[in-house]
Amino acid sequence: ELKLLMNDGAISKTLLEAAGLNVANVVVEKLFGDKTVHINCAA
């Protein structure tokens, strides 16, 4: 199993593209466009 928590962060298409996370990059673009979105919590 893998458990992961992130609090008080931010994501964007540009950020995920730079990190090489191709799948997440496409999902975030479709959800939020190219804007930076503040993340209260990712679990």
PDB file of all heavy atoms in Angstrom:
ATOM      1  N   GLU A   1       0.829  -1.199   0.000  1.00  0.00           N
ATOM      2  CA  GLU A   1       0.000   0.000   0.000  1.00  0.00           C
ATOM      3  C   GLU A   1       0.860   1.244   0.000  1.00  0.00           C
ATOM      4  O   GLU A   1       2.033   1.224   0.408  1.00  0.00           O
ATOM      5  CB  GLU A   1      -0.945   0.006   1.203  1.00  0.00           C
ATOM      6  CG  GLU A   1      -0.239  -0.082   2.543  1.00  0.00           C
ATOM      7  CD  GLU A   1      -1.226  -0.160   3.701  1.00  0.00           C
ATOM      8  OE1 GLU A   1      -2.403  -0.469   3.451  1.00  0.00           O
ATOM      9  OE2 GLU A   1      -0.818   0.105   4.849  1.00  0.00           O
ATOM     10  N   LEU A   2       0.255   2.325  -0.464  1.00  0.00           N
ATOM     11  CA  LEU A   2       0.897   3.632  -0.530  1.00  0.00           C
ATOM     12  C   LEU A   2      -0.089   4.662  -0.017  1.00  0.00           C
ATOM     13  O   LEU A   2      -1.226   4.741  -0.497  1.00  0.00           O
ATOM     14  CB  LEU A   2       1.322   3.952  -1.963  1.00  0.00           C
ATOM     15  CG  LEU A   2       2.069   5.269  -2.220  1.00  0.00           C
ATOM     16  CD1 LEU A   2       2.988   5.118  -3.425  1.00  0.00           C
ATOM     17  CD2 LEU A   2       1.082   6.419  -2.486  1.00  0.00           C
ATOM     18  N   LYS A   3       0.344   5.441   0.988  1.00  0.00           N
ATOM     19  CA  LYS A   3      -0.481   6.500   1.547  1.00  0.00           C
ATOM     20  C   LYS A   3       0.282   7.813   1.394  1.00  0.00           C
ATOM     21  O   LYS A   3       1.470   7.892   1.738  1.00  0.00           O
ATOM     22  CB  LYS A   3      -0.793   6.244   3.021  1.00  0.00           C
ATOM     23  CG  LYS A   3      -1.631   5.005   3.294  1.00  0.00           C
ATOM     24  CD  LYS A   3      -1.903   4.882   4.790  1.00  0.00           C
ATOM     25  CE  LYS A   3      -2.872   3.751   5.090  1.00  0.00           C
ATOM     26  NZ  LYS A   3      -2.278   2.423   4.831  1.00  0.00           N
ATOM     27  N   LEU A   4      -0.403   8.852   0.904  1.00  0.00           N
ATOM     28  CA  LEU A   4       0.258  10.116   0.632  1.00  0.00           C
ATOM     29  C   LEU A   4      -0.696  11.263   0.924  1.00  0.00           C
ATOM     30  O   LEU A   4      -1.867  11.229   0.547  1.00  0.00           O
ATOM     31  CB  LEU A   4       0.698  10.181  -0.833  1.00  0.00           C
ATOM     32  CG  LEU A   4       1.557  11.378  -1.252  1.00  0.00           C
ATOM     33  CD1 LEU A   4       2.924  11.306  -0.595  1.00  0.00           C
ATOM     34  CD2 LEU A   4       1.720  11.395  -2.769  1.00  0.00           C
ATOM     35  N   LEU A   5      -0.157  12.287   1.608  1.00  0.00           N
ATOM     36  CA  LEU A   5      -0.930  13.474   1.929  1.00  0.00           C
ATOM     37  C   LEU A   5      -0.140  14.720   1.557  1.00  0.00           C
ATOM     38  O   LEU A   5       1.069  14.801   1.810  1.00  0.00           O
ATOM     39  CB  LEU A   5      -1.242  13.544   3.427  1.00  0.00           C
ATOM     40  CG  LEU A   5      -2.197  12.496   4.003  1.00  0.00           C
ATOM     41  CD1 LEU A   5      -2.254  12.635   5.515  1.00  0.00           C
ATOM     42  CD2 LEU A   5      -3.582  12.657   3.405  1.00  0.00           C
ATOM     43  N   MET A   6      -0.844  15.689   0.951  1.00  0.00           N
ATOM     44  CA  MET A   6      -0.250  16.993   0.684  1.00  0.00           C
ATOM     45  C   MET A   6      -1.223  18.061   1.134  1.00  0.00           C
ATOM     46  O   MET A   6      -2.414  18.000   0.798  1.00  0.00           O
ATOM     47  CB  MET A   6       0.054  17.167  -0.805  1.00  0.00           C
ATOM     48  CG  MET A   6       0.706  18.501  -1.130  1.00  0.00           C
ATOM     49  SD  MET A   6       0.911  18.800  -2.922  1.00  0.00           S
ATOM     50  CE  MET A   6      -0.779  19.304  -3.355  1.00  0.00           C
ATOM     51  N   ASN A   7      -0.758  19.031   1.891  1.00  0.00           N
ATOM     52  CA  ASN A   7      -1.635  20.113   2.330  1.00  0.00           C
ATOM     53  C   ASN A   7      -1.069  21.458   1.899  1.00  0.00           C
ATOM     54  O   ASN A   7       0.138  21.643   1.755  1.00  0.00           O
ATOM     55  CB  ASN A   7      -1.806  20.094   3.852  1.00  0.00           C
ATOM     56  CG  ASN A   7      -0.528  20.457   4.576  1.00  0.00           C
ATOM     57  OD1 ASN A   7       0.398  19.654   4.636  1.00  0.00           O
ATOM     58  ND2 ASN A   7      -0.469  21.657   5.145  1.00  0.00           N
ATOM     59  N   ASP A   8      -1.980  22.405   1.648  1.00  0.00           N
ATOM     60  CA  ASP A   8      -1.622  23.794   1.338  1.00  0.00           C
ATOM     61  C   ASP A   8      -0.630  23.890   0.193  1.00  0.00           C
ATOM     62  O   ASP A   8       0.438  24.507   0.321  1.00  0.00           O
ATOM     63  CB  ASP A   8      -1.045  24.489   2.582  1.00  0.00           C
ATOM     64  CG  ASP A   8      -2.063  24.543   3.706  1.00  0.00           C
ATOM     65  OD1 ASP A   8      -3.244  24.812   3.408  1.00  0.00           O
ATOM     66  OD2 ASP A   8      -1.676  24.288   4.856  1.00  0.00           O
ATOM     67  N   GLY A   9      -0.982  23.294  -0.919  1.00  0.00           N
ATOM     68  CA  GLY A   9      -0.113  23.356  -2.083  1.00  0.00           C
ATOM     69  C   GLY A   9      -0.799  24.015  -3.260  1.00  0.00           C
ATOM     70  O   GLY A   9      -1.805  24.721  -3.114  1.00  0.00           O
ATOM     71  N   ALA A  10      -0.235  23.792  -4.427  1.00  0.00           N
ATOM     72  CA  ALA A  10      -0.808  24.353  -5.651  1.00  0.00           C
ATOM     73  C   ALA A  10      -0.425  23.456  -6.811  1.00  0.00           C
ATOM     74  O   ALA A  10       0.635  22.824  -6.809  1.00  0.00           O
ATOM     75  CB  ALA A  10      -0.305  25.774  -5.879  1.00  0.00           C
ATOM     76  N   ILE A  11      -1.316  23.397  -7.821  1.00  0.00           N
ATOM     77  CA  ILE A  11      -1.012  22.641  -9.030  1.00  0.00           C
ATOM     78  C   ILE A  11      -1.431  23.463 -10.238  1.00  0.00           C
ATOM     79  O   ILE A  11      -2.298  24.331 -10.152  1.00  0.00           O
ATOM     80  CB  ILE A  11      -1.723  21.270  -9.071  1.00  0.00           C
ATOM     81  CG1 ILE A  11      -3.237  21.441  -9.002  1.00  0.00           C
ATOM     82  CG2 ILE A  11      -1.203  20.336  -8.009  1.00  0.00           C
ATOM     83  CD1 ILE A  11      -3.993  20.157  -9.271  1.00  0.00           C
ATOM     84  N   SER A  12      -0.787  23.168 -11.339  1.00  0.00           N
ATOM     85  CA  SER A  12      -1.146  23.797 -12.604  1.00  0.00           C
ATOM     86  C   SER A  12      -0.638  22.914 -13.721  1.00  0.00           C
ATOM     87  O   SER A  12       0.213  22.038 -13.522  1.00  0.00           O
ATOM     88  CB  SER A  12      -0.541  25.200 -12.718  1.00  0.00           C
ATOM     89  OG  SER A  12       0.869  25.115 -12.863  1.00  0.00           O
ATOM     90  N   LYS A  13      -1.145  23.150 -14.912  1.00  0.00           N
ATOM     91  CA  LYS A  13      -0.695  22.404 -16.088  1.00  0.00           C
ATOM     92  C   LYS A  13       0.809  22.589 -16.284  1.00  0.00           C
ATOM     93  O   LYS A  13       1.538  21.633 -16.545  1.00  0.00           O
ATOM     94  CB  LYS A  13      -1.459  22.874 -17.323  1.00  0.00           C
ATOM     95  CG  LYS A  13      -0.974  22.283 -18.641  1.00  0.00           C
ATOM     96  CD  LYS A  13      -1.789  22.833 -19.792  1.00  0.00           C
ATOM     97  CE  LYS A  13      -1.281  22.269 -21.131  1.00  0.00           C
ATOM     98  NZ  LYS A  13       0.097  22.729 -21.418  1.00  0.00           N
ATOM     99  N   THR A  14       1.274  23.815 -16.126  1.00  0.00           N
ATOM    100  CA  THR A  14       2.695  24.101 -16.349  1.00  0.00           C
ATOM    101  C   THR A  14       3.569  23.361 -15.341  1.00  0.00           C
ATOM    102  O   THR A  14       4.611  22.800 -15.685  1.00  0.00           O
ATOM    103  CB  THR A  14       2.944  25.616 -16.257  1.00  0.00           C
ATOM    104  OG1 THR A  14       2.092  26.283 -17.176  1.00  0.00           O
ATOM    105  CG2 THR A  14       4.392  25.942 -16.561  1.00  0.00           C
ATOM    106  N   LEU A  15       3.130  23.358 -14.086  1.00  0.00           N
ATOM    107  CA  LEU A  15       3.899  22.691 -13.036  1.00  0.00           C
ATOM    108  C   LEU A  15       4.014  21.195 -13.292  1.00  0.00           C
ATOM    109  O   LEU A  15       5.103  20.611 -13.218  1.00  0.00           O
ATOM    110  CB  LEU A  15       3.238  22.943 -11.674  1.00  0.00           C
ATOM    111  CG  LEU A  15       3.800  22.150 -10.486  1.00  0.00           C
ATOM    112  CD1 LEU A  15       5.253  22.508 -10.253  1.00  0.00           C
ATOM    113  CD2 LEU A  15       2.976  22.425  -9.232  1.00  0.00           C
ATOM    114  N   LEU A  16       2.903  20.554 -13.611  1.00  0.00           N
ATOM    115  CA  LEU A  16       2.918  19.113 -13.835  1.00  0.00           C
ATOM    116  C   LEU A  16       3.688  18.768 -15.098  1.00  0.00           C
ATOM    117  O   LEU A  16       4.337  17.719 -15.181  1.00  0.00           O
ATOM    118  CB  LEU A  16       1.485  18.589 -13.925  1.00  0.00           C
ATOM    119  CG  LEU A  16       0.673  18.707 -12.627  1.00  0.00           C
ATOM    120  CD1 LEU A  16      -0.778  18.322 -12.881  1.00  0.00           C
ATOM    121  CD2 LEU A  16       1.274  17.821 -11.540  1.00  0.00           C
ATOM    122  N   GLU A  17       3.631  19.625 -16.092  1.00  0.00           N
ATOM    123  CA  GLU A  17       4.378  19.400 -17.327  1.00  0.00           C
ATOM    124  C   GLU A  17       5.874  19.430 -17.042  1.00  0.00           C
ATOM    125  O   GLU A  17       6.637  18.614 -17.543  1.00  0.00           O
ATOM    126  CB  GLU A  17       3.995  20.463 -18.350  1.00  0.00           C
ATOM    127  CG  GLU A  17       4.524  20.198 -19.747  1.00  0.00           C
ATOM    128  CD  GLU A  17       4.011  21.235 -20.739  1.00  0.00           C
ATOM    129  OE1 GLU A  17       4.349  22.431 -20.585  1.00  0.00           O
ATOM    130  OE2 GLU A  17       3.266  20.846 -21.650  1.00  0.00           O
ATOM    131  N   ALA A  18       6.309  20.392 -16.214  1.00  0.00           N
ATOM    132  CA  ALA A  18       7.721  20.487 -15.854  1.00  0.00           C
ATOM    133  C   ALA A  18       8.163  19.286 -15.040  1.00  0.00           C
ATOM    134  O   ALA A  18       9.318  18.851 -15.122  1.00  0.00           O
ATOM    135  CB  ALA A  18       7.971  21.778 -15.079  1.00  0.00           C
ATOM    136  N   ALA A  19       7.263  18.723 -14.235  1.00  0.00           N
ATOM    137  CA  ALA A  19       7.599  17.570 -13.411  1.00  0.00           C
ATOM    138  C   ALA A  19       7.550  16.266 -14.191  1.00  0.00           C
ATOM    139  O   ALA A  19       7.908  15.209 -13.673  1.00  0.00           O
ATOM    140  CB  ALA A  19       6.642  17.480 -12.216  1.00  0.00           C
ATOM    141  N   GLY A  20       7.108  16.307 -15.442  1.00  0.00           N
ATOM    142  CA  GLY A  20       7.054  15.112 -16.267  1.00  0.00           C
ATOM    143  C   GLY A  20       5.873  14.217 -15.969  1.00  0.00           C
ATOM    144  O   GLY A  20       5.859  13.052 -16.364  1.00  0.00           O
ATOM    145  N   LEU A  21       4.862  14.712 -15.248  1.00  0.00           N
ATOM    146  CA  LEU A  21       3.676  13.919 -14.910  1.00  0.00           C
ATOM    147  C   LEU A  21       2.630  14.110 -16.006  1.00  0.00           C
ATOM    148  O   LEU A  21       1.692  14.911 -15.888  1.00  0.00           O
ATOM    149  CB  LEU A  21       3.133  14.348 -13.545  1.00  0.00           C
ATOM    150  CG  LEU A  21       4.128  14.221 -12.382  1.00  0.00           C
ATOM    151  CD1 LEU A  21       3.534  14.772 -11.096  1.00  0.00           C
ATOM    152  CD2 LEU A  21       4.537  12.756 -12.204  1.00  0.00           C
ATOM    153  N   ASN A  22       2.785  13.360 -17.075  1.00  0.00           N
ATOM    154  CA  ASN A  22       1.972  13.581 -18.272  1.00  0.00           C
ATOM    155  C   ASN A  22       0.492  13.334 -18.034  1.00  0.00           C
ATOM    156  O   ASN A  22      -0.367  14.105 -18.491  1.00  0.00           O
ATOM    157  CB  ASN A  22       2.469  12.689 -19.414  1.00  0.00           C
ATOM    158  CG  ASN A  22       3.890  13.026 -19.819  1.00  0.00           C
ATOM    159  OD1 ASN A  22       4.311  14.167 -19.683  1.00  0.00           O
ATOM    160  ND2 ASN A  22       4.623  12.046 -20.302  1.00  0.00           N
ATOM    161  N   VAL A  23       0.155  12.246 -17.338  1.00  0.00           N
ATOM    162  CA  VAL A  23      -1.256  11.909 -17.127  1.00  0.00           C
ATOM    163  C   VAL A  23      -1.923  12.976 -16.279  1.00  0.00           C
ATOM    164  O   VAL A  23      -2.994  13.507 -16.612  1.00  0.00           O
ATOM    165  CB  VAL A  23      -1.378  10.528 -16.468  1.00  0.00           C
ATOM    166  CG1 VAL A  23      -2.845  10.210 -16.196  1.00  0.00           C
ATOM    167  CG2 VAL A  23      -0.760   9.454 -17.360  1.00  0.00           C
ATOM    168  N   ALA A  24      -1.303  13.312 -15.148  1.00  0.00           N
ATOM    169  CA  ALA A  24      -1.872  14.329 -14.262  1.00  0.00           C
ATOM    170  C   ALA A  24      -1.969  15.674 -14.964  1.00  0.00           C
ATOM    171  O   ALA A  24      -2.916  16.453 -14.736  1.00  0.00           O
ATOM    172  CB  ALA A  24      -1.014  14.449 -12.998  1.00  0.00           C
ATOM    173  N   ASN A  25      -1.013  15.939 -15.824  1.00  0.00           N
ATOM    174  CA  ASN A  25      -1.007  17.200 -16.570  1.00  0.00           C
ATOM    175  C   ASN A  25      -2.273  17.334 -17.417  1.00  0.00           C
ATOM    176  O   ASN A  25      -2.948  18.376 -17.427  1.00  0.00           O
ATOM    177  CB  ASN A  25       0.250  17.241 -17.437  1.00  0.00           C
ATOM    178  CG  ASN A  25       0.293  18.437 -18.354  1.00  0.00           C
ATOM    179  OD1 ASN A  25      -0.283  19.464 -18.061  1.00  0.00           O
ATOM    180  ND2 ASN A  25       0.964  18.294 -19.477  1.00  0.00           N
ATOM    181  N   VAL A  26      -2.629  16.275 -18.135  1.00  0.00           N
ATOM    182  CA  VAL A  26      -3.811  16.311 -19.004  1.00  0.00           C
ATOM    183  C   VAL A  26      -5.080  16.438 -18.170  1.00  0.00           C
ATOM    184  O   VAL A  26      -5.999  17.209 -18.516  1.00  0.00           O
ATOM    185  CB  VAL A  26      -3.862  15.046 -19.892  1.00  0.00           C
ATOM    186  CG1 VAL A  26      -5.129  15.036 -20.728  1.00  0.00           C
ATOM    187  CG2 VAL A  26      -2.627  14.968 -20.770  1.00  0.00           C
ATOM    188  N   VAL A  27      -5.146  15.713 -17.041  1.00  0.00           N
ATOM    189  CA  VAL A  27      -6.338  15.755 -16.194  1.00  0.00           C
ATOM    190  C   VAL A  27      -6.544  17.149 -15.626  1.00  0.00           C
ATOM    191  O   VAL A  27      -7.652  17.713 -15.645  1.00  0.00           O
ATOM    192  CB  VAL A  27      -6.226  14.713 -15.071  1.00  0.00           C
ATOM    193  CG1 VAL A  27      -7.374  14.879 -14.074  1.00  0.00           C
ATOM    194  CG2 VAL A  27      -6.231  13.304 -15.644  1.00  0.00           C
ATOM    195  N   VAL A  28      -5.484  17.739 -15.097  1.00  0.00           N
ATOM    196  CA  VAL A  28      -5.589  19.065 -14.484  1.00  0.00           C
ATOM    197  C   VAL A  28      -5.985  20.107 -15.522  1.00  0.00           C
ATOM    198  O   VAL A  28      -6.779  21.017 -15.254  1.00  0.00           O
ATOM    199  CB  VAL A  28      -4.255  19.438 -13.800  1.00  0.00           C
ATOM    200  CG1 VAL A  28      -4.231  20.918 -13.426  1.00  0.00           C
ATOM    201  CG2 VAL A  28      -4.059  18.583 -12.565  1.00  0.00           C
ATOM    202  N   GLU A  29      -5.454  19.987 -16.730  1.00  0.00           N
ATOM    203  CA  GLU A  29      -5.805  20.944 -17.787  1.00  0.00           C
ATOM    204  C   GLU A  29      -7.300  20.883 -18.096  1.00  0.00           C
ATOM    205  O   GLU A  29      -7.956  21.913 -18.281  1.00  0.00           O
ATOM    206  CB  GLU A  29      -4.987  20.669 -19.042  1.00  0.00           C
ATOM    207  CG  GLU A  29      -5.281  21.658 -20.162  1.00  0.00           C
ATOM    208  CD  GLU A  29      -4.539  21.323 -21.450  1.00  0.00           C
ATOM    209  OE1 GLU A  29      -4.039  20.171 -21.558  1.00  0.00           O
ATOM    210  OE2 GLU A  29      -4.475  22.184 -22.330  1.00  0.00           O
ATOM    211  N   LYS A  30      -7.848  19.679 -18.136  1.00  0.00           N
ATOM    212  CA  LYS A  30      -9.271  19.546 -18.446  1.00  0.00           C
ATOM    213  C   LYS A  30     -10.149  20.016 -17.290  1.00  0.00           C
ATOM    214  O   LYS A  30     -11.256  20.510 -17.495  1.00  0.00           O
ATOM    215  CB  LYS A  30      -9.595  18.099 -18.813  1.00  0.00           C
ATOM    216  CG  LYS A  30      -9.045  17.683 -20.179  1.00  0.00           C
ATOM    217  CD  LYS A  30      -9.534  16.314 -20.586  1.00  0.00           C
ATOM    218  CE  LYS A  30      -9.029  15.946 -21.989  1.00  0.00           C
ATOM    219  NZ  LYS A  30      -9.617  16.821 -23.041  1.00  0.00           N
ATOM    220  N   LEU A  31      -9.651  19.854 -16.048  1.00  0.00           N
ATOM    221  CA  LEU A  31     -10.433  20.276 -14.893  1.00  0.00           C
ATOM    222  C   LEU A  31     -10.368  21.776 -14.660  1.00  0.00           C
ATOM    223  O   LEU A  31     -11.382  22.436 -14.419  1.00  0.00           O
ATOM    224  CB  LEU A  31      -9.952  19.547 -13.639  1.00  0.00           C
ATOM    225  CG  LEU A  31     -10.327  18.072 -13.502  1.00  0.00           C
ATOM    226  CD1 LEU A  31      -9.650  17.480 -12.275  1.00  0.00           C
ATOM    227  CD2 LEU A  31     -11.842  17.904 -13.392  1.00  0.00           C
ATOM    228  N   PHE A  32      -9.139  22.310 -14.707  1.00  0.00           N
ATOM    229  CA  PHE A  32      -8.937  23.691 -14.271  1.00  0.00           C
ATOM    230  C   PHE A  32      -8.373  24.614 -15.347  1.00  0.00           C
ATOM    231  O   PHE A  32      -8.119  25.786 -15.079  1.00  0.00           O
ATOM    232  CB  PHE A  32      -7.975  23.719 -13.068  1.00  0.00           C
ATOM    233  CG  PHE A  32      -8.402  22.832 -11.939  1.00  0.00           C
ATOM    234  CD1 PHE A  32      -7.703  21.661 -11.648  1.00  0.00           C
ATOM    235  CD2 PHE A  32      -9.504  23.154 -11.167  1.00  0.00           C
ATOM    236  CE1 PHE A  32      -8.082  20.849 -10.594  1.00  0.00           C
ATOM    237  CE2 PHE A  32      -9.883  22.344 -10.109  1.00  0.00           C
ATOM    238  CZ  PHE A  32      -9.185  21.187  -9.822  1.00  0.00           C
ATOM    239  N   GLY A  33      -8.119  24.097 -16.538  1.00  0.00           N
ATOM    240  CA  GLY A  33      -7.463  24.921 -17.548  1.00  0.00           C
ATOM    241  C   GLY A  33      -5.991  25.100 -17.201  1.00  0.00           C
ATOM    242  O   GLY A  33      -5.372  24.231 -16.598  1.00  0.00           O
ATOM    243  N   ASP A  34      -5.438  26.256 -17.563  1.00  0.00           N
ATOM    244  CA  ASP A  34      -4.013  26.475 -17.350  1.00  0.00           C
ATOM    245  C   ASP A  34      -3.736  27.342 -16.132  1.00  0.00           C
ATOM    246  O   ASP A  34      -2.611  27.780 -15.915  1.00  0.00           O
ATOM    247  CB  ASP A  34      -3.395  27.122 -18.598  1.00  0.00           C
ATOM    248  CG  ASP A  34      -1.881  27.012 -18.604  1.00  0.00           C
ATOM    249  OD1 ASP A  34      -1.358  26.141 -17.874  1.00  0.00           O
ATOM    250  OD2 ASP A  34      -1.220  27.797 -19.303  1.00  0.00           O
ATOM    251  N   LYS A  35      -4.756  27.595 -15.333  1.00  0.00           N
ATOM    252  CA  LYS A  35      -4.542  28.451 -14.168  1.00  0.00           C
ATOM    253  C   LYS A  35      -3.964  27.632 -13.004  1.00  0.00           C
ATOM    254  O   LYS A  35      -4.106  26.411 -12.940  1.00  0.00           O
ATOM    255  CB  LYS A  35      -5.843  29.101 -13.742  1.00  0.00           C
ATOM    256  CG  LYS A  35      -6.876  28.119 -13.191  1.00  0.00           C
ATOM    257  CD  LYS A  35      -8.133  28.843 -12.743  1.00  0.00           C
ATOM    258  CE  LYS A  35      -9.146  27.847 -12.158  1.00  0.00           C
ATOM    259  NZ  LYS A  35     -10.358  28.535 -11.667  1.00  0.00           N
ATOM    260  N   THR A  36      -3.315  28.335 -12.095  1.00  0.00           N
ATOM    261  CA  THR A  36      -2.780  27.704 -10.882  1.00  0.00           C
ATOM    262  C   THR A  36      -3.899  27.593  -9.858  1.00  0.00           C
ATOM    263  O   THR A  36      -4.604  28.570  -9.576  1.00  0.00           O
ATOM    264  CB  THR A  36      -1.615  28.526 -10.310  1.00  0.00           C
ATOM    265  OG1 THR A  36      -0.567  28.590 -11.274  1.00  0.00           O
ATOM    266  CG2 THR A  36      -1.100  27.894  -9.032  1.00  0.00           C
ATOM    267  N   VAL A  37      -4.082  26.402  -9.314  1.00  0.00           N
ATOM    268  CA  VAL A  37      -5.172  26.136  -8.372  1.00  0.00           C
ATOM    269  C   VAL A  37      -4.584  25.805  -7.008  1.00  0.00           C
ATOM    270  O   VAL A  37      -3.701  24.941  -6.890  1.00  0.00           O
ATOM    271  CB  VAL A  37      -6.049  24.961  -8.866  1.00  0.00           C
ATOM    272  CG1 VAL A  37      -7.163  24.676  -7.859  1.00  0.00           C
ATOM    273  CG2 VAL A  37      -6.618  25.270 -10.233  1.00  0.00           C
ATOM    274  N   HIS A  38      -5.058  26.523  -5.975  1.00  0.00           N
ATOM    275  CA  HIS A  38      -4.608  26.231  -4.611  1.00  0.00           C
ATOM    276  C   HIS A  38      -5.245  24.930  -4.124  1.00  0.00           C
ATOM    277  O   HIS A  38      -6.451  24.715  -4.287  1.00  0.00           O
ATOM    278  CB  HIS A  38      -4.980  27.378  -3.674  1.00  0.00           C
ATOM    279  CG  HIS A  38      -4.567  27.119  -2.248  1.00  0.00           C
ATOM    280  ND1 HIS A  38      -3.272  27.260  -1.810  1.00  0.00           N
ATOM    281  CD2 HIS A  38      -5.300  26.710  -1.181  1.00  0.00           C
ATOM    282  CE1 HIS A  38      -3.211  26.953  -0.529  1.00  0.00           C
ATOM    283  NE2 HIS A  38      -4.435  26.614  -0.122  1.00  0.00           N
ATOM    284  N   ILE A  39      -4.434  24.079  -3.530  1.00  0.00           N
ATOM    285  CA  ILE A  39      -4.896  22.779  -3.031  1.00  0.00           C
ATOM    286  C   ILE A  39      -4.949  22.821  -1.513  1.00  0.00           C
ATOM    287  O   ILE A  39      -3.918  23.028  -0.847  1.00  0.00           O
ATOM    288  CB  ILE A  39      -3.952  21.643  -3.483  1.00  0.00           C
ATOM    289  CG1 ILE A  39      -3.827  21.611  -5.005  1.00  0.00           C
ATOM    290  CG2 ILE A  39      -4.447  20.307  -2.948  1.00  0.00           C
ATOM    291  CD1 ILE A  39      -5.112  21.336  -5.728  1.00  0.00           C
ATOM    292  N   ASN A  40      -6.153  22.666  -0.965  1.00  0.00           N
ATOM    293  CA  ASN A  40      -6.259  22.546   0.490  1.00  0.00           C
ATOM    294  C   ASN A  40      -5.634  21.239   0.957  1.00  0.00           C
ATOM    295  O   ASN A  40      -4.865  21.209   1.923  1.00  0.00           O
ATOM    296  CB  ASN A  40      -7.722  22.603   0.925  1.00  0.00           C
ATOM    297  CG  ASN A  40      -8.353  23.938   0.595  1.00  0.00           C
ATOM    298  OD1 ASN A  40      -7.689  24.973   0.631  1.00  0.00           O
ATOM    299  ND2 ASN A  40      -9.638  23.911   0.248  1.00  0.00           N
ATOM    300  N   CYS A  41      -5.990  20.189   0.259  1.00  0.00           N
ATOM    301  CA  CYS A  41      -5.480  18.864   0.648  1.00  0.00           C
ATOM    302  C   CYS A  41      -5.564  17.921  -0.545  1.00  0.00           C
ATOM    303  O   CYS A  41      -6.555  17.934  -1.288  1.00  0.00           O
ATOM    304  CB  CYS A  41      -6.306  18.298   1.805  1.00  0.00           C
ATOM    305  SG  CYS A  41      -5.852  16.600   2.264  1.00  0.00           S
ATOM    306  N   ALA A  42      -4.505  17.139  -0.719  1.00  0.00           N
ATOM    307  CA  ALA A  42      -4.523  16.035  -1.677  1.00  0.00           C
ATOM    308  C   ALA A  42      -4.192  14.773  -0.885  1.00  0.00           C
ATOM    309  O   ALA A  42      -3.172  14.720  -0.183  1.00  0.00           O
ATOM    310  CB  ALA A  42      -3.504  16.251  -2.784  1.00  0.00           C
ATOM    311  N   ALA A  43      -5.061  13.777  -0.968  1.00  0.00           N
ATOM    312  CA  ALA A  43      -4.872  12.554  -0.199  1.00  0.00           C
ATOM    313  C   ALA A  43      -5.030  11.338  -1.107  1.00  0.00           C
ATOM    314  O   ALA A  43      -5.940  11.297  -1.940  1.00  0.00           O
ATOM    315  CB  ALA A  43      -5.880  12.485   0.947  1.00  0.00           C
TER     316      ALA A  43
END
